[in-house]
Protein backbone atom coordinates (compact mmCIF):
# COMPACT_ATOMS: atom_id res chain seq x y z
CA UNK A 1 -13.06 -4.14 2.37
CA UNK A 2 -12.09 -1.48 4.80
CA UNK A 3 -11.97 2.01 3.38
CA UNK A 4 -8.63 3.83 3.00
CA UNK A 5 -9.05 7.44 3.38
CA UNK A 6 -6.14 9.02 1.92
CA UNK A 7 -2.94 8.10 0.06
CA UNK A 8 0.23 9.90 -1.17
CA UNK A 9 1.14 8.87 -4.74
CA UNK A 10 4.06 8.34 -6.88
CA UNK A 11 5.99 5.89 -4.92
CA UNK A 12 7.11 2.32 -6.05
CA UNK A 13 5.39 0.61 -3.14
CA UNK A 14 1.69 0.70 -2.20
CA UNK A 15 1.26 0.29 1.55
CA UNK A 16 -1.10 1.16 4.18
CA UNK A 17 -1.27 1.68 7.94
CA UNK A 18 -2.39 -1.76 9.35
CA UNK A 19 -3.73 -2.98 12.61
CA UNK A 20 -0.56 -4.84 13.13
CA UNK A 21 1.02 -1.52 13.99
CA UNK A 22 1.24 -0.78 17.71
CA UNK A 23 -1.26 1.88 18.98
CA UNK A 24 1.43 4.35 19.45
CA UNK A 25 2.52 3.90 15.70
CA UNK A 26 -1.06 3.96 14.39
CA UNK A 27 -1.91 7.10 16.29
CA UNK A 28 -5.01 8.71 14.76
CA UNK A 29 -4.52 7.07 11.35
CA UNK A 30 -7.06 5.05 9.77
CA UNK A 31 -5.56 1.32 9.64
CA UNK A 32 -6.38 -1.57 7.42
CA UNK A 33 -7.52 -4.72 9.21
CA UNK A 34 -7.02 -7.58 6.75
CA UNK A 35 -9.09 -9.92 8.78
CA UNK A 36 -12.21 -7.72 7.90
CA UNK A 37 -11.76 -8.14 4.27
CA UNK A 38 -13.62 -10.91 2.38
CA UNK A 39 -11.07 -10.63 -0.60
CA UNK A 40 -7.91 -10.56 1.31
CA UNK A 41 -5.38 -13.22 0.34
CA UNK A 42 -2.03 -13.38 2.36
CA UNK A 43 1.22 -13.55 0.34
CA UNK A 44 2.95 -16.14 2.43
CA UNK A 45 6.58 -15.42 3.23
CA UNK A 46 6.57 -12.07 1.48
CA UNK A 47 7.89 -8.85 3.01
CA UNK A 48 8.70 -5.46 2.06
CA UNK A 49 11.11 -2.67 3.51
CA UNK A 50 11.53 0.95 2.01
CA UNK A 51 13.48 4.02 2.90
CA UNK A 52 12.87 7.40 1.16
CA UNK A 53 15.13 10.21 0.47
CA UNK A 54 13.96 12.15 3.48
CA UNK A 55 14.97 9.52 5.91
CA UNK A 56 11.36 8.14 6.61
CA UNK A 57 10.63 4.41 5.87
CA UNK A 58 8.23 1.64 6.49
CA UNK A 59 8.17 -2.17 6.35
CA UNK A 60 5.90 -5.07 6.82
CA UNK A 61 3.90 -7.98 5.34
CA UNK A 62 2.15 -8.46 1.83
CA UNK A 63 -1.18 -9.61 0.65
CA UNK A 64 -3.50 -9.23 -2.26
CA UNK A 65 -6.95 -7.44 -2.24
CA UNK A 66 -9.24 -5.37 -4.20
CA UNK A 67 -8.26 -1.85 -4.62
CA UNK A 68 -10.50 0.92 -6.14
CA UNK A 69 -9.15 4.41 -7.15
CA UNK A 70 -11.40 6.87 -9.08
CA UNK A 71 -13.76 4.16 -10.03
CA UNK A 72 -11.20 1.76 -11.43
CA UNK A 73 -10.66 -1.48 -9.60
CA UNK A 74 -7.57 -3.85 -9.42
CA UNK A 75 -9.13 -7.07 -8.33
CA UNK A 76 -5.98 -8.74 -7.02
CA UNK A 77 -3.54 -5.93 -6.16
CA UNK A 78 -0.54 -6.33 -4.00
CA UNK A 79 -1.03 -4.39 -0.85
CA UNK A 80 1.75 -4.03 1.74
CA UNK A 81 0.69 -3.84 5.34
CA UNK A 82 2.92 -1.76 7.58
CA UNK A 83 4.10 -3.54 10.51
CA UNK A 84 6.70 -0.57 11.29
CA UNK A 85 6.65 3.12 10.20
CA UNK A 86 9.17 5.79 10.88
CA UNK A 87 8.19 8.66 13.19
CA UNK A 88 7.81 10.93 10.04
CA UNK A 89 4.70 8.83 8.89
CA UNK A 90 3.32 8.61 12.29
CA UNK A 91 3.40 12.45 12.68
CA UNK A 92 1.93 12.99 9.13
CA UNK A 93 -1.73 12.66 9.76
CA UNK A 94 -2.66 13.66 6.25
CA UNK A 95 -2.20 10.21 4.86
CA UNK A 96 -2.72 6.54 5.85
CA UNK A 97 -0.33 4.94 3.37
CA UNK A 98 1.12 5.42 -0.13
CA UNK A 99 -0.36 4.31 -3.41
CA UNK A 100 2.57 3.14 -5.77
CA UNK A 101 2.27 4.30 -9.23
CA UNK A 102 5.98 3.85 -10.40
CA UNK A 103 7.38 0.80 -12.13
CA UNK A 104 6.57 -2.69 -10.42
CA UNK A 105 9.91 -3.98 -11.41
CA UNK A 106 11.60 -1.66 -8.81
CA UNK A 107 9.29 -2.05 -5.85
CA UNK A 108 10.75 -3.69 -2.62
CA UNK A 109 8.41 -6.68 -2.34
CA UNK A 110 10.43 -9.85 -1.52
CA UNK A 111 10.74 -12.58 -2.73
CA UNK A 112 9.15 -11.40 -5.90
CA UNK A 113 8.19 -7.81 -6.81
CA UNK A 114 4.47 -7.18 -7.81
CA UNK A 115 2.71 -4.83 -10.28
CA UNK A 116 1.78 -1.24 -9.21
CA UNK A 117 -1.83 -0.28 -9.26
CA UNK A 118 -1.42 1.62 -12.55
CA UNK A 119 0.15 -1.48 -14.14
CA UNK A 120 -2.72 -3.63 -12.78
CA UNK A 121 -5.53 -1.43 -14.18
CA UNK A 122 -3.84 -0.09 -17.37
CA UNK A 123 -6.01 -2.19 -19.71
CA UNK A 124 -9.17 -0.71 -18.05
CA UNK A 125 -8.11 2.89 -18.92
CA UNK A 126 -9.26 4.81 -21.89
CA UNK A 127 -5.81 6.65 -21.80
CA UNK A 128 -2.77 5.34 -20.01
CA UNK A 129 -2.64 8.40 -17.66
CA UNK A 130 -4.15 9.70 -14.42
CA UNK A 131 -5.06 13.43 -14.54
């Protein structure tokens, strides 16, 4: 699994810069290459598209992979690969994607929404909270 260096949290979608983005959209961001993951599984026909209150947005394809945060691992987590990102995300070199911790039932994955990372790992946590 390729390492993802930084995320912003508390969104409803978990997405990453991917190698499917053009080099101008990737810029200096770390980009996930699903072909280099032994555990990647494509979610055939699935897509996502999200717009944020500041006018930024992203869209792309979906698959499943192992995602680890703070020593906790979701073994089959929905991961959204960006195939398009707004200029605000290209300019923000402090993150390489967003880790969704809000409610999965409101994420934008189509045709069927998926669990967030927090929902996927809740049973592994001593307390149902991140601090």
